[in-house]
Amino acid sequence: MLLSPDLFADTPPDPLQLHPALWRAHQLGQQRDGTTASGFAELDAELPGGGWPARALTELLLPHPGIGELRLLAPALAALQQGGRSLMWFDPPALPCGWTLAALGLDLRQLVVVQARDGLPARARGRLPAAADVLWALEQALKSGHVGAVLAWLPPTVRPESLRRLQLAAQAHDGPAFLLREAAALARPSVAPLRLALAPAGPAHPDELALRIVKRRGPPLAGTLRLALAPALSAPARARAGRLAAPAVSNTPARLADPVAAADHG
């Protein structure tokens, strides 16, 4: 029996063409739902799709607030606002500093802050949602599809099932969704497709941030990225703030006395 050569003419289809969510383990995955450029070329080169992903959670793991995480996110957030999209922040550790955010290019008129009842004075607690309600509000914001980007500072007690609900809700959110968590969460699994561990670059480099990508759709990143952030304070202002913060801080956490942390979180 003779077989026609035409039977062997077609090559097997490329598996990556079967579904946009497929990716090879030695390559960066392709972000099928779009991305937002981070504003840092060296970081975009290591993120699947070349930027912060839409329709997915991104976790930022911090040793403590105020190490430069807002300056890291500011270029992407400002770009979204320039496109007419609003921002929602859930339970930040301190009230945002208006002049600092404006200096980073953020429009406060397009920013909504949802604060948990536990972090406010007693006189205001009765009028504002508790922490569990903040998670519910975050889920609803993601499902709405009307927000440009969300930032949520999660408590250490957040449960895995709550993260799964947020990841499912994020699939309807056409923009980045950032969860800011404690560094200890690195030892626990997470449904977030993208996880980054942040750390200060050192006291000699207050305007630099050390960043490790600990989870992404692609091969692990062995090295650490050092990103140059926008200056939090001018040199004279930094010197004045350092002199003011120096005395009588023995009973105050170091991060609260740090003028750079103060600029990041007001």
Protein backbone atom coordinates (compact mmCIF):
# COMPACT_ATOMS: atom_id res chain seq x y z
CA MET A 1 0.00 0.00 0.00
CA LEU A 2 1.39 3.39 -1.00
CA LEU A 3 0.85 6.42 1.27
CA SER A 4 0.54 9.85 -0.18
CA PRO A 5 3.35 12.26 0.82
CA ASP A 6 0.66 14.84 1.50
CA LEU A 7 -0.29 12.93 4.67
CA PHE A 8 3.03 13.92 6.23
CA ALA A 9 3.24 17.44 4.85
CA ASP A 10 1.61 19.19 7.82
CA THR A 11 3.70 19.72 10.94
CA PRO A 12 2.09 19.39 14.37
CA PRO A 13 0.56 22.65 15.61
CA ASP A 14 2.49 24.79 18.04
CA PRO A 15 1.05 24.08 21.52
CA LEU A 16 1.26 27.78 22.36
CA GLN A 17 -1.28 28.46 19.60
CA LEU A 18 -3.86 26.16 21.16
CA HIS A 19 -4.69 28.52 24.02
CA PRO A 20 -3.35 31.98 24.97
CA ALA A 21 -2.82 30.92 28.60
CA LEU A 22 -0.27 28.23 27.69
CA TRP A 23 3.44 28.96 28.14
CA ARG A 24 6.68 26.99 28.19
CA ALA A 25 8.48 26.62 31.51
CA HIS A 26 11.71 28.12 30.18
CA GLN A 27 9.97 31.17 28.73
CA LEU A 28 7.99 34.06 30.17
CA GLY A 29 4.26 33.61 29.81
CA GLN A 30 2.31 35.92 27.55
CA GLN A 31 -0.22 38.10 29.32
CA ARG A 32 -3.40 37.55 27.31
CA ASP A 33 -5.47 40.26 28.99
CA GLY A 34 -3.12 43.21 28.66
CA THR A 35 -0.65 44.86 30.97
CA THR A 36 0.23 48.28 32.34
CA ALA A 37 3.85 49.33 31.99
CA SER A 38 5.52 49.66 35.38
CA GLY A 39 7.65 52.65 34.36
CA PHE A 40 10.86 50.68 34.99
CA ALA A 41 12.29 49.11 31.83
CA GLU A 42 14.38 46.56 33.71
CA LEU A 43 11.32 45.38 35.64
CA ASP A 44 9.04 45.24 32.59
CA ALA A 45 11.61 43.00 30.88
CA GLU A 46 11.10 40.42 33.65
CA LEU A 47 7.30 40.61 33.92
CA PRO A 48 5.16 38.33 31.72
CA GLY A 49 3.64 40.50 29.02
CA GLY A 50 5.99 43.39 29.83
CA GLY A 51 4.11 45.05 32.69
CA TRP A 52 1.72 44.74 35.62
CA PRO A 53 -0.95 42.18 34.69
CA ALA A 54 -4.65 42.88 34.39
CA ARG A 55 -7.30 40.41 35.57
CA ALA A 56 -4.91 38.89 38.12
CA LEU A 57 -3.59 39.58 41.61
CA THR A 58 -0.08 40.91 42.15
CA GLU A 59 1.36 40.50 45.64
CA LEU A 60 4.00 42.85 47.02
CA LEU A 61 5.66 41.39 50.13
CA LEU A 62 7.15 44.03 52.46
CA PRO A 63 9.23 43.92 55.65
CA HIS A 64 7.25 47.01 56.74
CA PRO A 65 5.32 49.81 55.01
CA GLY A 66 7.11 52.85 53.68
CA ILE A 67 10.12 51.30 51.93
CA GLY A 68 9.21 52.80 48.55
CA GLU A 69 6.29 50.65 47.43
CA LEU A 70 4.17 53.66 46.47
CA ARG A 71 7.01 55.18 44.47
CA LEU A 72 7.37 51.82 42.73
CA LEU A 73 3.71 51.79 41.70
CA ALA A 74 3.26 55.53 41.06
CA PRO A 75 4.25 55.57 37.34
CA ALA A 76 1.67 52.90 36.47
CA LEU A 77 -1.02 54.43 38.67
CA ALA A 78 -0.46 57.90 37.20
CA ALA A 79 -0.67 56.49 33.66
CA LEU A 80 -4.02 54.85 34.46
CA GLN A 81 -5.37 58.11 35.87
CA GLN A 82 -4.26 59.98 32.77
CA GLY A 83 -6.39 57.53 30.81
CA GLY A 84 -9.42 58.53 32.89
CA ARG A 85 -9.32 55.56 35.28
CA SER A 86 -9.76 55.94 39.03
CA LEU A 87 -7.87 54.31 41.90
CA MET A 88 -9.18 52.62 45.05
CA TRP A 89 -6.96 51.99 48.08
CA PHE A 90 -8.15 49.66 50.81
CA ASP A 91 -6.95 49.96 54.40
CA PRO A 92 -3.58 51.75 53.91
CA PRO A 93 -1.41 51.81 57.07
CA ALA A 94 -1.58 55.61 57.19
CA LEU A 95 -3.65 58.30 55.57
CA PRO A 96 -2.11 59.20 52.18
CA CYS A 97 0.06 62.31 52.11
CA GLY A 98 -1.53 64.56 49.51
CA TRP A 99 1.48 66.67 48.54
CA THR A 100 3.69 63.60 48.18
CA LEU A 101 1.19 61.79 45.95
CA ALA A 102 0.74 64.92 43.85
CA ALA A 103 4.52 65.14 43.44
CA LEU A 104 4.45 61.55 42.15
CA GLY A 105 1.92 62.55 39.49
CA LEU A 106 -1.23 61.17 41.15
CA ASP A 107 -4.54 63.02 40.99
CA LEU A 108 -6.24 62.95 44.39
CA ARG A 109 -9.58 63.70 42.74
CA GLN A 110 -9.45 60.22 41.19
CA LEU A 111 -8.51 58.40 44.40
CA VAL A 112 -10.93 56.68 46.80
CA VAL A 113 -9.62 55.38 50.16
CA VAL A 114 -11.57 52.73 52.08
CA GLN A 115 -10.34 52.51 55.68
CA ALA A 116 -11.07 49.63 58.07
CA ARG A 117 -12.87 50.51 61.26
CA ASP A 118 -10.13 49.00 63.44
CA GLY A 119 -7.52 51.55 62.36
CA LEU A 120 -9.51 54.71 63.15
CA PRO A 121 -10.43 56.70 66.27
CA ALA A 122 -13.31 55.35 68.32
CA ARG A 123 -15.61 58.24 67.34
CA ALA A 124 -15.37 57.23 63.65
CA ARG A 125 -15.55 53.45 63.95
CA GLY A 126 -19.33 53.25 64.00
CA ARG A 127 -19.61 54.90 60.60
CA LEU A 128 -17.00 52.84 58.72
CA PRO A 129 -16.65 49.16 57.73
CA ALA A 130 -14.73 46.57 59.73
CA ALA A 131 -11.78 44.67 58.26
CA ALA A 132 -13.95 41.80 57.00
CA ASP A 133 -16.18 44.31 55.25
CA VAL A 134 -13.12 45.88 53.60
CA LEU A 135 -12.34 42.51 52.00
CA TRP A 136 -15.94 42.34 50.80
CA ALA A 137 -15.71 45.88 49.42
CA LEU A 138 -12.45 44.99 47.65
CA GLU A 139 -14.08 41.97 46.05
CA GLN A 140 -17.01 44.07 44.83
CA ALA A 141 -14.68 46.71 43.42
CA LEU A 142 -12.81 44.05 41.44
CA LYS A 143 -16.04 42.57 40.11
CA SER A 144 -17.40 45.95 39.07
CA GLY A 145 -14.90 46.47 36.26
CA HIS A 146 -15.06 50.25 36.75
CA VAL A 147 -11.78 50.86 38.61
CA GLY A 148 -8.42 51.49 37.01
CA ALA A 149 -6.31 49.90 39.76
CA VAL A 150 -6.79 48.73 43.33
CA LEU A 151 -4.28 48.60 46.19
CA ALA A 152 -5.12 46.66 49.33
CA TRP A 153 -3.02 46.32 52.47
CA LEU A 154 -4.10 42.94 53.82
CA PRO A 155 -3.90 41.83 57.47
CA PRO A 156 -1.68 38.85 58.37
CA THR A 157 -4.79 36.91 59.30
CA VAL A 158 -6.25 36.89 55.78
CA ARG A 159 -7.45 33.38 54.96
CA PRO A 160 -6.53 31.40 51.81
CA GLU A 161 -10.18 31.16 50.78
CA SER A 162 -10.42 34.95 50.87
CA LEU A 163 -7.45 35.17 48.50
CA ARG A 164 -9.09 32.67 46.16
CA ARG A 165 -12.27 34.76 46.10
CA LEU A 166 -10.23 37.87 45.31
CA GLN A 167 -8.37 36.10 42.49
CA LEU A 168 -11.68 34.98 40.96
CA ALA A 169 -13.04 38.52 41.28
CA ALA A 170 -9.87 39.95 39.72
CA GLN A 171 -10.63 38.10 36.49
CA ALA A 172 -13.35 40.70 35.85
CA HIS A 173 -11.03 43.61 36.65
CA ASP A 174 -9.48 45.19 33.55
CA GLY A 175 -6.49 46.61 35.38
CA PRO A 176 -3.82 45.76 37.94
CA ALA A 177 -4.75 44.64 41.45
CA PHE A 178 -2.02 44.94 44.08
CA LEU A 179 -2.09 43.18 47.44
CA LEU A 180 0.49 44.49 49.92
CA ARG A 181 1.33 41.86 52.54
CA GLU A 182 3.89 41.17 55.24
CA ALA A 183 7.17 39.52 54.25
CA ALA A 184 6.31 36.44 56.36
CA ALA A 185 3.60 35.58 53.81
CA LEU A 186 6.40 34.55 51.46
CA ALA A 187 6.59 31.23 53.33
CA ARG A 188 2.92 30.52 52.62
CA PRO A 189 1.45 29.55 49.24
CA SER A 190 -0.71 32.03 47.37
CA VAL A 191 -3.04 31.93 44.39
CA ALA A 192 -1.62 35.23 43.09
CA PRO A 193 0.09 34.56 39.72
CA LEU A 194 2.70 37.27 40.41
CA ARG A 195 4.54 37.73 43.72
CA LEU A 196 7.37 40.17 44.39
CA ALA A 197 9.47 40.54 47.54
CA LEU A 198 10.59 44.12 48.21
CA ALA A 199 13.34 45.33 50.52
CA PRO A 200 15.22 48.59 51.10
CA ALA A 201 18.45 48.82 49.15
CA GLY A 202 20.21 50.06 52.31
CA PRO A 203 20.51 53.29 54.32
CA ALA A 204 23.08 54.64 51.88
CA HIS A 205 20.57 54.27 49.02
CA PRO A 206 17.21 55.60 50.30
CA ASP A 207 15.92 56.11 46.77
CA GLU A 208 16.62 52.58 45.59
CA LEU A 209 14.54 49.45 46.04
CA ALA A 210 15.69 45.82 45.97
CA LEU A 211 13.14 43.58 44.28
CA ARG A 212 12.92 39.81 43.81
CA ILE A 213 10.32 38.11 41.62
CA VAL A 214 9.48 35.01 43.64
CA LYS A 215 6.57 33.81 41.48
CA ARG A 216 5.60 34.50 37.89
CA ARG A 217 4.36 32.67 34.82
CA GLY A 218 7.78 31.64 33.64
CA PRO A 219 11.14 30.52 35.02
CA PRO A 220 12.21 31.85 38.44
CA LEU A 221 14.36 34.96 38.47
CA ALA A 222 17.59 34.08 40.28
CA GLY A 223 18.91 37.61 40.78
CA THR A 224 17.68 40.75 42.51
CA LEU A 225 16.68 43.91 40.67
CA ARG A 226 17.73 47.27 42.05
CA LEU A 227 15.35 50.00 40.94
CA ALA A 228 16.04 53.74 41.15
CA LEU A 229 12.92 55.40 42.58
CA ALA A 230 11.79 58.98 42.31
CA PRO A 231 13.41 60.97 45.16
CA ALA A 232 11.09 61.10 48.15
CA LEU A 233 12.61 64.32 49.50
CA SER A 234 15.03 66.91 48.25
CA ALA A 235 18.48 66.85 49.84
CA PRO A 236 17.83 69.91 52.09
CA ALA A 237 14.43 68.57 53.12
CA ARG A 238 15.93 65.17 53.89
CA ALA A 239 18.57 66.79 56.11
CA ARG A 240 15.95 68.85 57.97
CA ALA A 241 13.69 65.82 58.43
CA GLY A 242 16.60 63.76 59.71
CA ARG A 243 17.46 66.40 62.31
CA LEU A 244 13.83 66.62 63.44
CA ALA A 245 13.44 62.85 63.65
CA ALA A 246 16.70 62.21 65.51
CA PRO A 247 15.80 63.05 69.16
CA ALA A 248 13.42 61.10 71.38
CA VAL A 249 12.45 58.19 69.15
CA SER A 250 13.44 55.33 71.44
CA ASN A 251 9.83 54.17 71.86
CA THR A 252 8.86 54.74 68.22
CA PRO A 253 9.27 52.13 65.47
CA ALA A 254 12.18 53.10 63.25
CA ARG A 255 10.05 53.13 60.14
CA LEU A 256 7.83 55.88 61.56
CA ALA A 257 10.83 58.11 62.26
CA ASP A 258 12.29 57.54 58.79
CA PRO A 259 11.69 60.68 56.69
CA VAL A 260 11.58 58.60 53.51
CA ALA A 261 8.90 56.33 54.98
CA ALA A 262 6.99 59.41 56.06
CA ALA A 263 7.09 60.73 52.51
CA ASP A 264 5.87 57.39 51.16
CA HIS A 265 2.93 57.09 53.54
CA GLY A 266 2.28 60.54 54.97
